[in-house]
Amino acid sequence: GEWATTIFCVSEGGRALAFPIGEAKSLRNGGRGTMLMGLDKNESLLQAIACGADGVVVRGVGRGGKAVDKLFSGAAFAVYEGARARKGRLLEPRVKDASLALPKPAQQR
């Protein structure tokens, strides 16, 4: 496979943020960790995934209770790029209970 170059995060509030993997510090002796994404009070980070140019698949529940299974890559992925620890942008389409996965070869461009 390809090397992961980006961390893609999704929050409980339906926001997403992608940032270069080099911005995530490695803590040699443990510690309290590194903030991946800015969150609102009482909001949690649902998932973070390391991905490459093929992007990421977001699954969850969309408007009207419809299942969402969407590949974000290229320009659709670039919309969510920013600096680590920022709040990111709302996913479009809106997704509740989002989960992330790497695309399978058939889903890639």
C-alpha atoms as a PDB file:
ATOM      1  CA  GLY A   1       0.000   0.000   0.000  1.00  0.00           C
ATOM      2  CA  GLU A   2       0.912   3.642   0.056  1.00  0.00           C
ATOM      3  CA  TRP A   3       2.424   5.553   2.947  1.00  0.00           C
ATOM      4  CA  ALA A   4       0.087   7.498   5.204  1.00  0.00           C
ATOM      5  CA  THR A   5       0.751  11.237   4.931  1.00  0.00           C
ATOM      6  CA  THR A   6      -2.298  12.695   6.671  1.00  0.00           C
ATOM      7  CA  ILE A   7      -4.326  12.292   9.863  1.00  0.00           C
ATOM      8  CA  PHE A   8      -8.098  12.652   9.288  1.00  0.00           C
ATOM      9  CA  CYS A   9     -10.210  13.243  12.428  1.00  0.00           C
ATOM     10  CA  VAL A  10     -13.954  13.354  12.950  1.00  0.00           C
ATOM     11  CA  SER A  11     -15.770  14.770  15.994  1.00  0.00           C
ATOM     12  CA  GLU A  12     -19.013  13.844  17.690  1.00  0.00           C
ATOM     13  CA  GLY A  13     -20.466  17.123  16.376  1.00  0.00           C
ATOM     14  CA  GLY A  14     -19.891  16.039  12.764  1.00  0.00           C
ATOM     15  CA  ARG A  15     -16.793  18.133  12.070  1.00  0.00           C
ATOM     16  CA  ALA A  16     -13.721  16.841  10.252  1.00  0.00           C
ATOM     17  CA  LEU A  17     -10.085  17.959  10.141  1.00  0.00           C
ATOM     18  CA  ALA A  18      -7.185  16.653   8.062  1.00  0.00           C
ATOM     19  CA  PHE A  19      -3.588  17.635   8.832  1.00  0.00           C
ATOM     20  CA  PRO A  20      -0.092  16.438   7.844  1.00  0.00           C
ATOM     21  CA  ILE A  21       1.039  13.412   9.843  1.00  0.00           C
ATOM     22  CA  GLY A  22       4.258  15.275  10.728  1.00  0.00           C
ATOM     23  CA  GLU A  23       2.253  17.667  12.944  1.00  0.00           C
ATOM     24  CA  ALA A  24       1.388  14.797  15.339  1.00  0.00           C
ATOM     25  CA  LYS A  25       4.227  14.641  17.826  1.00  0.00           C
ATOM     26  CA  SER A  26       5.556  11.353  19.115  1.00  0.00           C
ATOM     27  CA  LEU A  27       5.836  11.355  22.914  1.00  0.00           C
ATOM     28  CA  ARG A  28       8.703   9.114  23.958  1.00  0.00           C
ATOM     29  CA  ASN A  29       7.815   8.805  27.648  1.00  0.00           C
ATOM     30  CA  GLY A  30       4.038   8.800  27.394  1.00  0.00           C
ATOM     31  CA  GLY A  31       2.568  11.953  28.864  1.00  0.00           C
ATOM     32  CA  ARG A  32      -0.915  13.350  28.387  1.00  0.00           C
ATOM     33  CA  GLY A  33      -0.894  13.049  24.618  1.00  0.00           C
ATOM     34  CA  THR A  34      -1.229  15.410  21.709  1.00  0.00           C
ATOM     35  CA  MET A  35      -4.391  17.332  20.850  1.00  0.00           C
ATOM     36  CA  LEU A  36      -5.426  16.200  17.381  1.00  0.00           C
ATOM     37  CA  MET A  37      -8.506  18.383  16.944  1.00  0.00           C
ATOM     38  CA  GLY A  38     -10.132  21.274  18.788  1.00  0.00           C
ATOM     39  CA  LEU A  39     -13.432  20.215  20.364  1.00  0.00           C
ATOM     40  CA  ASP A  40     -16.397  22.059  21.838  1.00  0.00           C
ATOM     41  CA  LYS A  41     -17.148  21.655  25.556  1.00  0.00           C
ATOM     42  CA  ASN A  42     -18.551  18.151  26.220  1.00  0.00           C
ATOM     43  CA  GLU A  43     -17.780  17.063  22.627  1.00  0.00           C
ATOM     44  CA  SER A  44     -15.545  14.081  21.954  1.00  0.00           C
ATOM     45  CA  LEU A  45     -13.312  12.902  19.168  1.00  0.00           C
ATOM     46  CA  LEU A  46     -14.996   9.920  17.499  1.00  0.00           C
ATOM     47  CA  GLN A  47     -12.068   8.665  15.453  1.00  0.00           C
ATOM     48  CA  ALA A  48      -8.774   9.586  13.822  1.00  0.00           C
ATOM     49  CA  ILE A  49      -7.195   7.626  10.977  1.00  0.00           C
ATOM     50  CA  ALA A  50      -3.871   7.841   9.137  1.00  0.00           C
ATOM     51  CA  CYS A  51      -4.439   7.949   5.385  1.00  0.00           C
ATOM     52  CA  GLY A  52      -2.746   8.836   2.115  1.00  0.00           C
ATOM     53  CA  ALA A  53      -3.689  10.313  -1.267  1.00  0.00           C
ATOM     54  CA  ASP A  54      -6.509   7.782  -1.722  1.00  0.00           C
ATOM     55  CA  GLY A  55      -8.449   9.626   0.982  1.00  0.00           C
ATOM     56  CA  VAL A  56     -10.858   8.260   3.557  1.00  0.00           C
ATOM     57  CA  VAL A  57     -14.339   6.727   3.625  1.00  0.00           C
ATOM     58  CA  VAL A  58     -16.816   8.324   6.049  1.00  0.00           C
ATOM     59  CA  ARG A  59     -19.784   6.230   7.155  1.00  0.00           C
ATOM     60  CA  GLY A  60     -22.638   7.200   9.436  1.00  0.00           C
ATOM     61  CA  VAL A  61     -26.219   8.436   9.553  1.00  0.00           C
ATOM     62  CA  GLY A  62     -27.162  11.360   7.312  1.00  0.00           C
ATOM     63  CA  ARG A  63     -30.229  13.589   7.036  1.00  0.00           C
ATOM     64  CA  GLY A  64     -33.527  11.726   7.295  1.00  0.00           C
ATOM     65  CA  GLY A  65     -31.808   8.741   8.908  1.00  0.00           C
ATOM     66  CA  LYS A  66     -30.258   7.657   5.589  1.00  0.00           C
ATOM     67  CA  ALA A  67     -26.985   5.730   5.700  1.00  0.00           C
ATOM     68  CA  VAL A  68     -23.953   7.650   4.418  1.00  0.00           C
ATOM     69  CA  ASP A  69     -20.947   5.858   2.886  1.00  0.00           C
ATOM     70  CA  LYS A  70     -18.856   8.476   1.087  1.00  0.00           C
ATOM     71  CA  LEU A  71     -15.284   8.584  -0.185  1.00  0.00           C
ATOM     72  CA  PHE A  72     -13.495  11.876   0.463  1.00  0.00           C
ATOM     73  CA  SER A  73     -10.429  12.249  -1.766  1.00  0.00           C
ATOM     74  CA  GLY A  74      -8.832  14.913  -3.958  1.00  0.00           C
ATOM     75  CA  ALA A  75     -10.651  18.269  -3.807  1.00  0.00           C
ATOM     76  CA  ALA A  76     -13.421  16.859  -1.557  1.00  0.00           C
ATOM     77  CA  PHE A  77     -10.711  15.844   0.949  1.00  0.00           C
ATOM     78  CA  ALA A  78      -8.755  19.119   0.642  1.00  0.00           C
ATOM     79  CA  VAL A  79     -11.726  21.115   2.022  1.00  0.00           C
ATOM     80  CA  TYR A  80     -11.006  19.616   5.475  1.00  0.00           C
ATOM     81  CA  GLU A  81      -7.243  20.293   5.485  1.00  0.00           C
ATOM     82  CA  GLY A  82      -5.945  22.558   8.223  1.00  0.00           C
ATOM     83  CA  ALA A  83      -3.493  22.754  11.099  1.00  0.00           C
ATOM     84  CA  ARG A  84      -3.491  20.224  13.939  1.00  0.00           C
ATOM     85  CA  ALA A  85      -5.645  21.203  16.967  1.00  0.00           C
ATOM     86  CA  ARG A  86      -8.007  23.395  14.905  1.00  0.00           C
ATOM     87  CA  LYS A  87     -11.762  22.719  14.990  1.00  0.00           C
ATOM     88  CA  GLY A  88     -12.135  21.678  11.343  1.00  0.00           C
ATOM     89  CA  ARG A  89     -15.295  22.013   9.236  1.00  0.00           C
ATOM     90  CA  LEU A  90     -18.713  20.378   9.292  1.00  0.00           C
ATOM     91  CA  LEU A  91     -18.850  17.296   7.106  1.00  0.00           C
ATOM     92  CA  GLU A  92     -20.937  17.721   3.966  1.00  0.00           C
ATOM     93  CA  PRO A  93     -23.188  15.808   3.729  1.00  0.00           C
ATOM     94  CA  ARG A  94     -23.892  16.064   7.468  1.00  0.00           C
ATOM     95  CA  VAL A  95     -23.072  12.800   9.230  1.00  0.00           C
ATOM     96  CA  LYS A  96     -23.972  11.627  12.757  1.00  0.00           C
ATOM     97  CA  ASP A  97     -22.132   8.805  14.524  1.00  0.00           C
ATOM     98  CA  ALA A  98     -19.411   8.949  11.872  1.00  0.00           C
ATOM     99  CA  SER A  99     -16.785   6.259  11.497  1.00  0.00           C
ATOM    100  CA  LEU A 100     -13.728   6.313   9.253  1.00  0.00           C
ATOM    101  CA  ALA A 101     -12.131   3.653   7.068  1.00  0.00           C
ATOM    102  CA  LEU A 102      -9.499   3.469   4.363  1.00  0.00           C
ATOM    103  CA  PRO A 103     -10.956   2.982   0.875  1.00  0.00           C
ATOM    104  CA  LYS A 104     -10.856  -0.489  -0.614  1.00  0.00           C
ATOM    105  CA  PRO A 105      -9.117  -0.707  -4.036  1.00  0.00           C
ATOM    106  CA  ALA A 106     -12.497  -0.769  -5.862  1.00  0.00           C
ATOM    107  CA  GLN A 107     -13.521   2.567  -4.225  1.00  0.00           C
ATOM    108  CA  GLN A 108     -10.423   4.424  -5.377  1.00  0.00           C
ATOM    109  CA  ARG A 109     -10.565   6.711  -8.404  1.00  0.00           C
END
